[in-house]
Amino acid sequence: MIDYNGKKYVCLLDLGFDVIRGKWKAVILCHLGDGAKRFLELQRITCGVSQKVLNEQLRELEDDGLIYKVIYPEVPPRVEYYLTERGKELYPALKMIEEWAGNHYTEYQNETNQD
């Protein structure tokens, strides 16, 4: 067993997946892999995430050291989110999972594109 931040994990893989667990975290990380994004831009491109949930997910990703935000001293304030070095290390693995899904679930893609 691995103890980390008050939680117990079966193995390092369990810990790693806990960091990106949830519907939106991996999606957010993939979008930030393409470059910095503002909050409303992230909300728009994730298609369906509420403001509350997006805020929570961003905060958790920030707490886990995968992203950081820059608040620019402007009126109104401009906030941009970026991948940290740790997030940049994780990004290729997420892209590999995305590519794997595309390679193995093309029949599903074809069905959803016909709707």
PDB file of N, CA and C in Angstrom:
ATOM      1  N   MET A   1       0.847  -1.192   0.000  1.00  0.00           N
ATOM      2  CA  MET A   1       0.000   0.000   0.000  1.00  0.00           C
ATOM      3  C   MET A   1       0.881   1.241   0.000  1.00  0.00           C
ATOM      4  N   ILE A   2       0.375   2.265  -0.641  1.00  0.00           N
ATOM      5  CA  ILE A   2       1.067   3.550  -0.695  1.00  0.00           C
ATOM      6  C   ILE A   2       0.185   4.578  -0.007  1.00  0.00           C
ATOM      7  N   ASP A   3       0.740   5.307   0.941  1.00  0.00           N
ATOM      8  CA  ASP A   3       0.029   6.411   1.592  1.00  0.00           C
ATOM      9  C   ASP A   3       0.503   7.710   0.973  1.00  0.00           C
ATOM     10  N   TYR A   4      -0.450   8.515   0.493  1.00  0.00           N
ATOM     11  CA  TYR A   4      -0.109   9.807  -0.089  1.00  0.00           C
ATOM     12  C   TYR A   4      -1.245  10.777   0.180  1.00  0.00           C
ATOM     13  N   ASN A   5      -0.929  11.897   0.791  1.00  0.00           N
ATOM     14  CA  ASN A   5      -1.922  12.943   1.105  1.00  0.00           C
ATOM     15  C   ASN A   5      -3.144  12.390   1.834  1.00  0.00           C
ATOM     16  N   GLY A   6      -2.909  11.494   2.769  1.00  0.00           N
ATOM     17  CA  GLY A   6      -3.998  10.956   3.577  1.00  0.00           C
ATOM     18  C   GLY A   6      -4.845   9.906   2.892  1.00  0.00           C
ATOM     19  N   LYS A   7      -4.447   9.466   1.707  1.00  0.00           N
ATOM     20  CA  LYS A   7      -5.185   8.425   0.989  1.00  0.00           C
ATOM     21  C   LYS A   7      -4.284   7.215   0.839  1.00  0.00           C
ATOM     22  N   LYS A   8      -4.906   6.061   0.714  1.00  0.00           N
ATOM     23  CA  LYS A   8      -4.170   4.815   0.499  1.00  0.00           C
ATOM     24  C   LYS A   8      -4.381   4.350  -0.941  1.00  0.00           C
ATOM     25  N   TYR A   9      -3.291   3.937  -1.564  1.00  0.00           N
ATOM     26  CA  TYR A   9      -3.332   3.463  -2.947  1.00  0.00           C
ATOM     27  C   TYR A   9      -2.730   2.065  -3.018  1.00  0.00           C
ATOM     28  N   VAL A  10      -3.271   1.261  -3.898  1.00  0.00           N
ATOM     29  CA  VAL A  10      -2.806  -0.109  -4.077  1.00  0.00           C
ATOM     30  C   VAL A  10      -1.410  -0.118  -4.695  1.00  0.00           C
ATOM     31  N   CYS A  11      -1.175   0.798  -5.641  1.00  0.00           N
ATOM     32  CA  CYS A  11       0.113   0.864  -6.332  1.00  0.00           C
ATOM     33  C   CYS A  11       0.280   2.266  -6.922  1.00  0.00           C
ATOM     34  N   LEU A  12       1.416   2.508  -7.556  1.00  0.00           N
ATOM     35  CA  LEU A  12       1.663   3.814  -8.158  1.00  0.00           C
ATOM     36  C   LEU A  12       0.695   4.105  -9.306  1.00  0.00           C
ATOM     37  N   LEU A  13       0.287   3.074 -10.031  1.00  0.00           N
ATOM     38  CA  LEU A  13      -0.690   3.270 -11.101  1.00  0.00           C
ATOM     39  C   LEU A  13      -2.002   3.800 -10.539  1.00  0.00           C
ATOM     40  N   ASP A  14      -2.431   3.245  -9.421  1.00  0.00           N
ATOM     41  CA  ASP A  14      -3.644   3.700  -8.734  1.00  0.00           C
ATOM     42  C   ASP A  14      -3.512   5.170  -8.361  1.00  0.00           C
ATOM     43  N   LEU A  15      -2.360   5.551  -7.815  1.00  0.00           N
ATOM     44  CA  LEU A  15      -2.102   6.949  -7.466  1.00  0.00           C
ATOM     45  C   LEU A  15      -2.136   7.833  -8.706  1.00  0.00           C
ATOM     46  N   GLY A  16      -1.459   7.396  -9.762  1.00  0.00           N
ATOM     47  CA  GLY A  16      -1.424   8.173 -10.997  1.00  0.00           C
ATOM     48  C   GLY A  16      -2.805   8.402 -11.590  1.00  0.00           C
ATOM     49  N   PHE A  17      -3.623   7.355 -11.599  1.00  0.00           N
ATOM     50  CA  PHE A  17      -4.967   7.510 -12.146  1.00  0.00           C
ATOM     51  C   PHE A  17      -5.851   8.366 -11.255  1.00  0.00           C
ATOM     52  N   ASP A  18      -5.607   8.361  -9.957  1.00  0.00           N
ATOM     53  CA  ASP A  18      -6.386   9.204  -9.066  1.00  0.00           C
ATOM     54  C   ASP A  18      -6.173  10.684  -9.379  1.00  0.00           C
ATOM     55  N   VAL A  19      -4.973  11.032  -9.790  1.00  0.00           N
ATOM     56  CA  VAL A  19      -4.655  12.423 -10.119  1.00  0.00           C
ATOM     57  C   VAL A  19      -5.481  12.909 -11.310  1.00  0.00           C
ATOM     58  N   ILE A  20      -5.756  12.019 -12.274  1.00  0.00           N
ATOM     59  CA  ILE A  20      -6.513  12.443 -13.464  1.00  0.00           C
ATOM     60  C   ILE A  20      -7.925  11.876 -13.487  1.00  0.00           C
ATOM     61  N   ARG A  21      -8.349  11.264 -12.381  1.00  0.00           N
ATOM     62  CA  ARG A  21      -9.680  10.659 -12.308  1.00  0.00           C
ATOM     63  C   ARG A  21     -10.749  11.746 -12.417  1.00  0.00           C
ATOM     64  N   GLY A  22     -11.816  11.403 -13.062  1.00  0.00           N
ATOM     65  CA  GLY A  22     -12.926  12.331 -13.241  1.00  0.00           C
ATOM     66  C   GLY A  22     -13.162  12.566 -14.720  1.00  0.00           C
ATOM     67  N   LYS A  23     -14.294  13.108 -15.013  1.00  0.00           N
ATOM     68  CA  LYS A  23     -14.695  13.277 -16.408  1.00  0.00           C
ATOM     69  C   LYS A  23     -13.884  14.350 -17.126  1.00  0.00           C
ATOM     70  N   TRP A  24     -13.422  15.372 -16.419  1.00  0.00           N
ATOM     71  CA  TRP A  24     -12.883  16.547 -17.085  1.00  0.00           C
ATOM     72  C   TRP A  24     -11.383  16.750 -16.964  1.00  0.00           C
ATOM     73  N   LYS A  25     -10.728  16.156 -15.986  1.00  0.00           N
ATOM     74  CA  LYS A  25      -9.319  16.474 -15.751  1.00  0.00           C
ATOM     75  C   LYS A  25      -8.428  16.157 -16.945  1.00  0.00           C
ATOM     76  N   ALA A  26      -8.527  14.966 -17.491  1.00  0.00           N
ATOM     77  CA  ALA A  26      -7.684  14.599 -18.636  1.00  0.00           C
ATOM     78  C   ALA A  26      -8.006  15.476 -19.842  1.00  0.00           C
ATOM     79  N   VAL A  27      -9.274  15.801 -20.024  1.00  0.00           N
ATOM     80  CA  VAL A  27      -9.688  16.664 -21.141  1.00  0.00           C
ATOM     81  C   VAL A  27      -9.073  18.055 -20.983  1.00  0.00           C
ATOM     82  N   ILE A  28      -9.129  18.596 -19.778  1.00  0.00           N
ATOM     83  CA  ILE A  28      -8.547  19.915 -19.502  1.00  0.00           C
ATOM     84  C   ILE A  28      -7.044  19.878 -19.780  1.00  0.00           C
ATOM     85  N   LEU A  29      -6.372  18.847 -19.291  1.00  0.00           N
ATOM     86  CA  LEU A  29      -4.927  18.740 -19.501  1.00  0.00           C
ATOM     87  C   LEU A  29      -4.584  18.662 -20.985  1.00  0.00           C
ATOM     88  N   CYS A  30      -5.373  17.918 -21.753  1.00  0.00           N
ATOM     89  CA  CYS A  30      -5.120  17.819 -23.193  1.00  0.00           C
ATOM     90  C   CYS A  30      -5.291  19.167 -23.879  1.00  0.00           C
ATOM     91  N   HIS A  31      -6.308  19.912 -23.491  1.00  0.00           N
ATOM     92  CA  HIS A  31      -6.508  21.231 -24.092  1.00  0.00           C
ATOM     93  C   HIS A  31      -5.390  22.191 -23.708  1.00  0.00           C
ATOM     94  N   LEU A  32      -4.918  22.107 -22.476  1.00  0.00           N
ATOM     95  CA  LEU A  32      -3.819  22.982 -22.061  1.00  0.00           C
ATOM     96  C   LEU A  32      -2.500  22.558 -22.706  1.00  0.00           C
ATOM     97  N   GLY A  33      -2.409  21.325 -23.151  1.00  0.00           N
ATOM     98  CA  GLY A  33      -1.227  20.878 -23.875  1.00  0.00           C
ATOM     99  C   GLY A  33      -1.051  21.609 -25.190  1.00  0.00           C
ATOM    100  N   ASP A  34      -2.141  22.152 -25.708  1.00  0.00           N
ATOM    101  CA  ASP A  34      -2.090  22.928 -26.950  1.00  0.00           C
ATOM    102  C   ASP A  34      -1.712  24.384 -26.687  1.00  0.00           C
ATOM    103  N   GLY A  35      -1.597  24.768 -25.413  1.00  0.00           N
ATOM    104  CA  GLY A  35      -1.220  26.139 -25.059  1.00  0.00           C
ATOM    105  C   GLY A  35      -2.137  26.693 -23.979  1.00  0.00           C
ATOM    106  N   ALA A  36      -1.764  27.861 -23.492  1.00  0.00           N
ATOM    107  CA  ALA A  36      -2.506  28.512 -22.412  1.00  0.00           C
ATOM    108  C   ALA A  36      -3.958  28.752 -22.808  1.00  0.00           C
ATOM    109  N   LYS A  37      -4.841  28.654 -21.835  1.00  0.00           N
ATOM    110  CA  LYS A  37      -6.270  28.893 -22.070  1.00  0.00           C
ATOM    111  C   LYS A  37      -6.832  29.731 -20.928  1.00  0.00           C
ATOM    112  N   ARG A  38      -7.807  30.549 -21.256  1.00  0.00           N
ATOM    113  CA  ARG A  38      -8.543  31.293 -20.246  1.00  0.00           C
ATOM    114  C   ARG A  38      -9.726  30.443 -19.784  1.00  0.00           C
ATOM    115  N   PHE A  39     -10.307  30.809 -18.634  1.00  0.00           N
ATOM    116  CA  PHE A  39     -11.375  30.022 -18.030  1.00  0.00           C
ATOM    117  C   PHE A  39     -12.543  29.818 -19.000  1.00  0.00           C
ATOM    118  N   LEU A  40     -13.051  30.903 -19.570  1.00  0.00           N
ATOM    119  CA  LEU A  40     -14.221  30.782 -20.459  1.00  0.00           C
ATOM    120  C   LEU A  40     -13.895  29.983 -21.718  1.00  0.00           C
ATOM    121  N   GLU A  41     -12.669  30.074 -22.180  1.00  0.00           N
ATOM    122  CA  GLU A  41     -12.262  29.283 -23.338  1.00  0.00           C
ATOM    123  C   GLU A  41     -12.269  27.790 -22.980  1.00  0.00           C
ATOM    124  N   LEU A  42     -11.753  27.455 -21.799  1.00  0.00           N
ATOM    125  CA  LEU A  42     -11.796  26.062 -21.347  1.00  0.00           C
ATOM    126  C   LEU A  42     -13.231  25.577 -21.197  1.00  0.00           C
ATOM    127  N   GLN A  43     -14.086  26.425 -20.657  1.00  0.00           N
ATOM    128  CA  GLN A  43     -15.482  26.035 -20.474  1.00  0.00           C
ATOM    129  C   GLN A  43     -16.152  25.794 -21.829  1.00  0.00           C
ATOM    130  N   ARG A  44     -15.845  26.639 -22.799  1.00  0.00           N
ATOM    131  CA  ARG A  44     -16.441  26.502 -24.122  1.00  0.00           C
ATOM    132  C   ARG A  44     -15.960  25.234 -24.832  1.00  0.00           C
ATOM    133  N   ILE A  45     -14.668  24.944 -24.777  1.00  0.00           N
ATOM    134  CA  ILE A  45     -14.154  23.804 -25.541  1.00  0.00           C
ATOM    135  C   ILE A  45     -14.369  22.464 -24.848  1.00  0.00           C
ATOM    136  N   THR A  46     -14.720  22.470 -23.571  1.00  0.00           N
ATOM    137  CA  THR A  46     -15.024  21.212 -22.903  1.00  0.00           C
ATOM    138  C   THR A  46     -16.482  20.820 -23.073  1.00  0.00           C
ATOM    139  N   CYS A  47     -17.299  21.687 -23.610  1.00  0.00           N
ATOM    140  CA  CYS A  47     -18.672  21.358 -24.008  1.00  0.00           C
ATOM    141  C   CYS A  47     -19.483  20.664 -22.915  1.00  0.00           C
ATOM    142  N   GLY A  48     -19.946  21.390 -21.969  1.00  0.00           N
ATOM    143  CA  GLY A  48     -20.872  20.798 -21.023  1.00  0.00           C
ATOM    144  C   GLY A  48     -20.457  20.850 -19.575  1.00  0.00           C
ATOM    145  N   VAL A  49     -19.250  21.262 -19.288  1.00  0.00           N
ATOM    146  CA  VAL A  49     -18.832  21.343 -17.899  1.00  0.00           C
ATOM    147  C   VAL A  49     -19.388  22.636 -17.295  1.00  0.00           C
ATOM    148  N   SER A  50     -19.920  22.525 -16.089  1.00  0.00           N
ATOM    149  CA  SER A  50     -20.452  23.715 -15.426  1.00  0.00           C
ATOM    150  C   SER A  50     -19.299  24.553 -14.882  1.00  0.00           C
ATOM    151  N   GLN A  51     -19.583  25.811 -14.619  1.00  0.00           N
ATOM    152  CA  GLN A  51     -18.577  26.718 -14.071  1.00  0.00           C
ATOM    153  C   GLN A  51     -18.052  26.201 -12.737  1.00  0.00           C
ATOM    154  N   LYS A  52     -18.950  25.700 -11.901  1.00  0.00           N
ATOM    155  CA  LYS A  52     -18.579  25.178 -10.578  1.00  0.00           C
ATOM    156  C   LYS A  52     -17.643  23.989 -10.698  1.00  0.00           C
ATOM    157  N   VAL A  53     -17.999  23.028 -11.547  1.00  0.00           N
ATOM    158  CA  VAL A  53     -17.190  21.824 -11.707  1.00  0.00           C
ATOM    159  C   VAL A  53     -15.846  22.169 -12.338  1.00  0.00           C
ATOM    160  N   LEU A  54     -15.837  23.041 -13.341  1.00  0.00           N
ATOM    161  CA  LEU A  54     -14.580  23.435 -13.973  1.00  0.00           C
ATOM    162  C   LEU A  54     -13.657  24.090 -12.947  1.00  0.00           C
ATOM    163  N   ASN A  55     -14.211  24.963 -12.118  1.00  0.00           N
ATOM    164  CA  ASN A  55     -13.421  25.595 -11.059  1.00  0.00           C
ATOM    165  C   ASN A  55     -12.813  24.550 -10.130  1.00  0.00           C
ATOM    166  N   GLU A  56     -13.623  23.582  -9.716  1.00  0.00           N
ATOM    167  CA  GLU A  56     -13.143  22.520  -8.815  1.00  0.00           C
ATOM    168  C   GLU A  56     -12.033  21.710  -9.462  1.00  0.00           C
ATOM    169  N   GLN A  57     -12.246  21.321 -10.728  1.00  0.00           N
ATOM    170  CA  GLN A  57     -11.254  20.508 -11.430  1.00  0.00           C
ATOM    171  C   GLN A  57      -9.946  21.273 -11.612  1.00  0.00           C
ATOM    172  N   LEU A  58     -10.039  22.550 -11.962  1.00  0.00           N
ATOM    173  CA  LEU A  58      -8.845  23.374 -12.126  1.00  0.00           C
ATOM    174  C   LEU A  58      -8.098  23.515 -10.804  1.00  0.00           C
ATOM    175  N   ARG A  59      -8.830  23.702  -9.729  1.00  0.00           N
ATOM    176  CA  ARG A  59      -8.216  23.836  -8.405  1.00  0.00           C
ATOM    177  C   ARG A  59      -7.493  22.546  -8.021  1.00  0.00           C
ATOM    178  N   GLU A  60      -8.131  21.400  -8.271  1.00  0.00           N
ATOM    179  CA  GLU A  60      -7.512  20.117  -7.945  1.00  0.00           C
ATOM    180  C   GLU A  60      -6.261  19.871  -8.795  1.00  0.00           C
ATOM    181  N   LEU A  61      -6.326  20.199 -10.079  1.00  0.00           N
ATOM    182  CA  LEU A  61      -5.161  20.041 -10.945  1.00  0.00           C
ATOM    183  C   LEU A  61      -4.023  20.960 -10.500  1.00  0.00           C
ATOM    184  N   GLU A  62      -4.393  22.138 -10.043  1.00  0.00           N
ATOM    185  CA  GLU A  62      -3.396  23.075  -9.528  1.00  0.00           C
ATOM    186  C   GLU A  62      -2.785  22.541  -8.229  1.00  0.00           C
ATOM    187  N   ASP A  63      -3.629  22.030  -7.332  1.00  0.00           N
ATOM    188  CA  ASP A  63      -3.145  21.460  -6.071  1.00  0.00           C
ATOM    189  C   ASP A  63      -2.210  20.275  -6.305  1.00  0.00           C
ATOM    190  N   ASP A  64      -2.472  19.504  -7.374  1.00  0.00           N
ATOM    191  CA  ASP A  64      -1.641  18.349  -7.695  1.00  0.00           C
ATOM    192  C   ASP A  64      -0.384  18.734  -8.482  1.00  0.00           C
ATOM    193  N   GLY A  65      -0.230  20.014  -8.767  1.00  0.00           N
ATOM    194  CA  GLY A  65       0.976  20.491  -9.436  1.00  0.00           C
ATOM    195  C   GLY A  65       1.025  20.222 -10.925  1.00  0.00           C
ATOM    196  N   LEU A  66      -0.137  20.009 -11.549  1.00  0.00           N
ATOM    197  CA  LEU A  66      -0.165  19.733 -12.989  1.00  0.00           C
ATOM    198  C   LEU A  66      -0.402  20.990 -13.821  1.00  0.00           C
ATOM    199  N   ILE A  67      -1.048  21.985 -13.226  1.00  0.00           N
ATOM    200  CA  ILE A  67      -1.283  23.254 -13.925  1.00  0.00           C
ATOM    201  C   ILE A  67      -0.973  24.401 -12.972  1.00  0.00           C
ATOM    202  N   TYR A  68      -0.831  25.577 -13.552  1.00  0.00           N
ATOM    203  CA  TYR A  68      -0.735  26.793 -12.745  1.00  0.00           C
ATOM    204  C   TYR A  68      -1.505  27.888 -13.460  1.00  0.00           C
ATOM    205  N   LYS A  69      -1.893  28.886 -12.696  1.00  0.00           N
ATOM    206  CA  LYS A  69      -2.632  29.989 -13.309  1.00  0.00           C
ATOM    207  C   LYS A  69      -1.848  31.271 -13.102  1.00  0.00           C
ATOM    208  N   VAL A  70      -2.003  32.146 -14.078  1.00  0.00           N
ATOM    209  CA  VAL A  70      -1.401  33.471 -14.015  1.00  0.00           C
ATOM    210  C   VAL A  70      -2.542  34.471 -14.019  1.00  0.00           C
ATOM    211  N   ILE A  71      -2.548  35.327 -13.007  1.00  0.00           N
ATOM    212  CA  ILE A  71      -3.553  36.385 -12.909  1.00  0.00           C
ATOM    213  C   ILE A  71      -2.872  37.678 -13.308  1.00  0.00           C
ATOM    214  N   TYR A  72      -3.332  38.271 -14.394  1.00  0.00           N
ATOM    215  CA  TYR A  72      -2.739  39.508 -14.886  1.00  0.00           C
ATOM    216  C   TYR A  72      -3.424  40.697 -14.213  1.00  0.00           C
ATOM    217  N   PRO A  73      -2.641  41.683 -13.789  1.00  0.00           N
ATOM    218  CA  PRO A  73      -3.205  42.838 -13.076  1.00  0.00           C
ATOM    219  C   PRO A  73      -3.876  43.820 -14.046  1.00  0.00           C
ATOM    220  N   GLU A  74      -5.014  43.421 -14.548  1.00  0.00           N
ATOM    221  CA  GLU A  74      -5.785  44.233 -15.491  1.00  0.00           C
ATOM    222  C   GLU A  74      -7.198  44.371 -14.957  1.00  0.00           C
ATOM    223  N   VAL A  75      -7.936  45.291 -15.531  1.00  0.00           N
ATOM    224  CA  VAL A  75      -9.350  45.442 -15.189  1.00  0.00           C
ATOM    225  C   VAL A  75     -10.135  45.245 -16.476  1.00  0.00           C
ATOM    226  N   PRO A  76     -10.982  44.213 -16.541  1.00  0.00           N
ATOM    227  CA  PRO A  76     -11.172  43.138 -15.570  1.00  0.00           C
ATOM    228  C   PRO A  76      -9.959  42.210 -15.572  1.00  0.00           C
ATOM    229  N   PRO A  77      -9.742  41.489 -14.462  1.00  0.00           N
ATOM    230  CA  PRO A  77      -8.567  40.612 -14.383  1.00  0.00           C
ATOM    231  C   PRO A  77      -8.614  39.511 -15.445  1.00  0.00           C
ATOM    232  N   ARG A  78      -7.465  39.239 -16.010  1.00  0.00           N
ATOM    233  CA  ARG A  78      -7.338  38.163 -17.002  1.00  0.00           C
ATOM    234  C   ARG A  78      -6.586  37.022 -16.329  1.00  0.00           C
ATOM    235  N   VAL A  79      -7.150  35.826 -16.411  1.00  0.00           N
ATOM    236  CA  VAL A  79      -6.543  34.642 -15.807  1.00  0.00           C
ATOM    237  C   VAL A  79      -6.299  33.619 -16.906  1.00  0.00           C
ATOM    238  N   GLU A  80      -5.075  33.107 -16.952  1.00  0.00           N
ATOM    239  CA  GLU A  80      -4.741  32.071 -17.924  1.00  0.00           C
ATOM    240  C   GLU A  80      -4.173  30.868 -17.194  1.00  0.00           C
ATOM    241  N   TYR A  81      -4.473  29.689 -17.732  1.00  0.00           N
ATOM    242  CA  TYR A  81      -4.014  28.430 -17.149  1.00  0.00           C
ATOM    243  C   TYR A  81      -2.978  27.798 -18.077  1.00  0.00           C
ATOM    244  N   TYR A  82      -1.950  27.223 -17.474  1.00  0.00           N
ATOM    245  CA  TYR A  82      -0.845  26.613 -18.190  1.00  0.00           C
ATOM    246  C   TYR A  82      -0.514  25.256 -17.570  1.00  0.00           C
ATOM    247  N   LEU A  83       0.120  24.385 -18.358  1.00  0.00           N
ATOM    248  CA  LEU A  83       0.658  23.148 -17.806  1.00  0.00           C
ATOM    249  C   LEU A  83       1.971  23.450 -17.093  1.00  0.00           C
ATOM    250  N   THR A  84       2.187  22.812 -15.955  1.00  0.00           N
ATOM    251  CA  THR A  84       3.484  22.861 -15.289  1.00  0.00           C
ATOM    252  C   THR A  84       4.401  21.851 -15.968  1.00  0.00           C
ATOM    253  N   GLU A  85       5.648  21.777 -15.525  1.00  0.00           N
ATOM    254  CA  GLU A  85       6.554  20.759 -16.072  1.00  0.00           C
ATOM    255  C   GLU A  85       6.004  19.366 -15.815  1.00  0.00           C
ATOM    256  N   ARG A  86       5.424  19.157 -14.638  1.00  0.00           N
ATOM    257  CA  ARG A  86       4.822  17.854 -14.310  1.00  0.00           C
ATOM    258  C   ARG A  86       3.662  17.562 -15.262  1.00  0.00           C
ATOM    259  N   GLY A  87       2.840  18.568 -15.545  1.00  0.00           N
ATOM    260  CA  GLY A  87       1.732  18.408 -16.476  1.00  0.00           C
ATOM    261  C   GLY A  87       2.214  18.122 -17.888  1.00  0.00           C
ATOM    262  N   LYS A  88       3.312  18.783 -18.278  1.00  0.00           N
ATOM    263  CA  LYS A  88       3.880  18.546 -19.613  1.00  0.00           C
ATOM    264  C   LYS A  88       4.414  17.127 -19.740  1.00  0.00           C
ATOM    265  N   GLU A  89       4.926  16.562 -18.634  1.00  0.00           N
ATOM    266  CA  GLU A  89       5.395  15.177 -18.659  1.00  0.00           C
ATOM    267  C   GLU A  89       4.233  14.197 -18.827  1.00  0.00           C
ATOM    268  N   LEU A  90       3.084  14.521 -18.265  1.00  0.00           N
ATOM    269  CA  LEU A  90       1.911  13.654 -18.343  1.00  0.00           C
ATOM    270  C   LEU A  90       1.219  13.751 -19.700  1.00  0.00           C
ATOM    271  N   TYR A  91       1.301  14.892 -20.341  1.00  0.00           N
ATOM    272  CA  TYR A  91       0.587  15.165 -21.586  1.00  0.00           C
ATOM    273  C   TYR A  91       0.791  14.093 -22.664  1.00  0.00           C
ATOM    274  N   PRO A  92       2.036  13.651 -22.970  1.00  0.00           N
ATOM    275  CA  PRO A  92       2.194  12.617 -24.011  1.00  0.00           C
ATOM    276  C   PRO A  92       1.456  11.316 -23.682  1.00  0.00           C
ATOM    277  N   ALA A  93       1.409  10.947 -22.414  1.00  0.00           N
ATOM    278  CA  ALA A  93       0.686   9.717 -22.040  1.00  0.00           C
ATOM    279  C   ALA A  93      -0.803   9.865 -22.332  1.00  0.00           C
ATOM    280  N   LEU A  94      -1.357  11.030 -22.050  1.00  0.00           N
ATOM    281  CA  LEU A  94      -2.778  11.276 -22.338  1.00  0.00           C
ATOM    282  C   LEU A  94      -3.037  11.249 -23.838  1.00  0.00           C
ATOM    283  N   LYS A  95      -2.125  11.820 -24.612  1.00  0.00           N
ATOM    284  CA  LYS A  95      -2.279  11.810 -26.064  1.00  0.00           C
ATOM    285  C   LYS A  95      -2.185  10.384 -26.611  1.00  0.00           C
ATOM    286  N   MET A  96      -1.341   9.544 -25.989  1.00  0.00           N
ATOM    287  CA  MET A  96      -1.239   8.143 -26.412  1.00  0.00           C
ATOM    288  C   MET A  96      -2.549   7.403 -26.143  1.00  0.00           C
ATOM    289  N   ILE A  97      -3.180   7.674 -25.018  1.00  0.00           N
ATOM    290  CA  ILE A  97      -4.477   7.056 -24.712  1.00  0.00           C
ATOM    291  C   ILE A  97      -5.519   7.531 -25.715  1.00  0.00           C
ATOM    292  N   GLU A  98      -5.488   8.815 -26.048  1.00  0.00           N
ATOM    293  CA  GLU A  98      -6.418   9.359 -27.042  1.00  0.00           C
ATOM    294  C   GLU A  98      -6.210   8.686 -28.398  1.00  0.00           C
ATOM    295  N   GLU A  99      -4.960   8.527 -28.806  1.00  0.00           N
ATOM    296  CA  GLU A  99      -4.653   7.873 -30.078  1.00  0.00           C
ATOM    297  C   GLU A  99      -5.076   6.406 -30.058  1.00  0.00           C
ATOM    298  N   TRP A 100      -4.814   5.731 -28.932  1.00  0.00           N
ATOM    299  CA  TRP A 100      -5.222   4.336 -28.786  1.00  0.00           C
ATOM    300  C   TRP A 100      -6.737   4.208 -28.953  1.00  0.00           C
ATOM    301  N   ALA A 101      -7.487   5.105 -28.318  1.00  0.00           N
ATOM    302  CA  ALA A 101      -8.954   5.073 -28.428  1.00  0.00           C
ATOM    303  C   ALA A 101      -9.387   5.286 -29.879  1.00  0.00           C
ATOM    304  N   GLY A 102      -8.728   6.199 -30.558  1.00  0.00           N
ATOM    305  CA  GLY A 102      -9.048   6.432 -31.963  1.00  0.00           C
ATOM    306  C   GLY A 102      -8.765   5.225 -32.833  1.00  0.00           C
ATOM    307  N   ASN A 103      -7.693   4.509 -32.525  1.00  0.00           N
ATOM    308  CA  ASN A 103      -7.327   3.321 -33.306  1.00  0.00           C
ATOM    309  C   ASN A 103      -8.252   2.147 -33.053  1.00  0.00           C
ATOM    310  N   HIS A 104      -8.761   2.020 -31.852  1.00  0.00           N
ATOM    311  CA  HIS A 104      -9.519   0.822 -31.487  1.00  0.00           C
ATOM    312  C   HIS A 104     -11.027   1.032 -31.425  1.00  0.00           C
ATOM    313  N   TYR A 105     -11.458   2.228 -31.498  1.00  0.00           N
ATOM    314  CA  TYR A 105     -12.891   2.481 -31.399  1.00  0.00           C
ATOM    315  C   TYR A 105     -13.394   3.301 -32.578  1.00  0.00           C
ATOM    316  N   THR A 106     -12.830   3.039 -33.763  1.00  0.00           N
ATOM    317  CA  THR A 106     -13.260   3.767 -34.957  1.00  0.00           C
ATOM    318  C   THR A 106     -14.705   3.457 -35.300  1.00  0.00           C
ATOM    319  N   GLU A 107     -15.147   2.225 -35.003  1.00  0.00           N
ATOM    320  CA  GLU A 107     -16.549   1.892 -35.291  1.00  0.00           C
ATOM    321  C   GLU A 107     -17.481   2.758 -34.444  1.00  0.00           C
ATOM    322  N   TYR A 108     -17.071   3.078 -33.230  1.00  0.00           N
ATOM    323  CA  TYR A 108     -17.872   3.963 -32.386  1.00  0.00           C
ATOM    324  C   TYR A 108     -17.863   5.370 -32.965  1.00  0.00           C
ATOM    325  N   GLN A 109     -16.703   5.834 -33.412  1.00  0.00           N
ATOM    326  CA  GLN A 109     -16.614   7.159 -34.015  1.00  0.00           C
ATOM    327  C   GLN A 109     -17.521   7.263 -35.232  1.00  0.00           C
ATOM    328  N   ASN A 110     -17.556   6.215 -36.045  1.00  0.00           N
ATOM    329  CA  ASN A 110     -18.395   6.223 -37.231  1.00  0.00           C
ATOM    330  C   ASN A 110     -19.873   6.295 -36.856  1.00  0.00           C
ATOM    331  N   GLU A 111     -20.277   5.588 -35.806  1.00  0.00           N
ATOM    332  CA  GLU A 111     -21.665   5.621 -35.360  1.00  0.00           C
ATOM    333  C   GLU A 111     -22.045   7.002 -34.860  1.00  0.00           C
ATOM    334  N   THR A 112     -21.176   7.641 -34.090  1.00  0.00           N
ATOM    335  CA  THR A 112     -21.518   8.955 -33.537  1.00  0.00           C
ATOM    336  C   THR A 112     -21.487  10.033 -34.589  1.00  0.00           C
ATOM    337  N   ASN A 113     -20.665   9.862 -35.645  1.00  0.00           N
ATOM    338  CA  ASN A 113     -20.624  10.851 -36.708  1.00  0.00           C
ATOM    339  C   ASN A 113     -21.857  10.778 -37.614  1.00  0.00           C
ATOM    340  N   GLN A 114     -22.569   9.650 -37.601  1.00  0.00           N
ATOM    341  CA  GLN A 114     -23.746   9.492 -38.452  1.00  0.00           C
ATOM    342  C   GLN A 114     -24.988  10.120 -37.802  1.00  0.00           C
ATOM    343  N   ASP A 115     -24.956  10.375 -36.483  1.00  0.00           N
ATOM    344  CA  ASP A 115     -26.125  10.938 -35.803  1.00  0.00           C
ATOM    345  C   ASP A 115     -26.380  12.382 -36.185  1.00  0.00           C
TER     346      ASP A 115
END
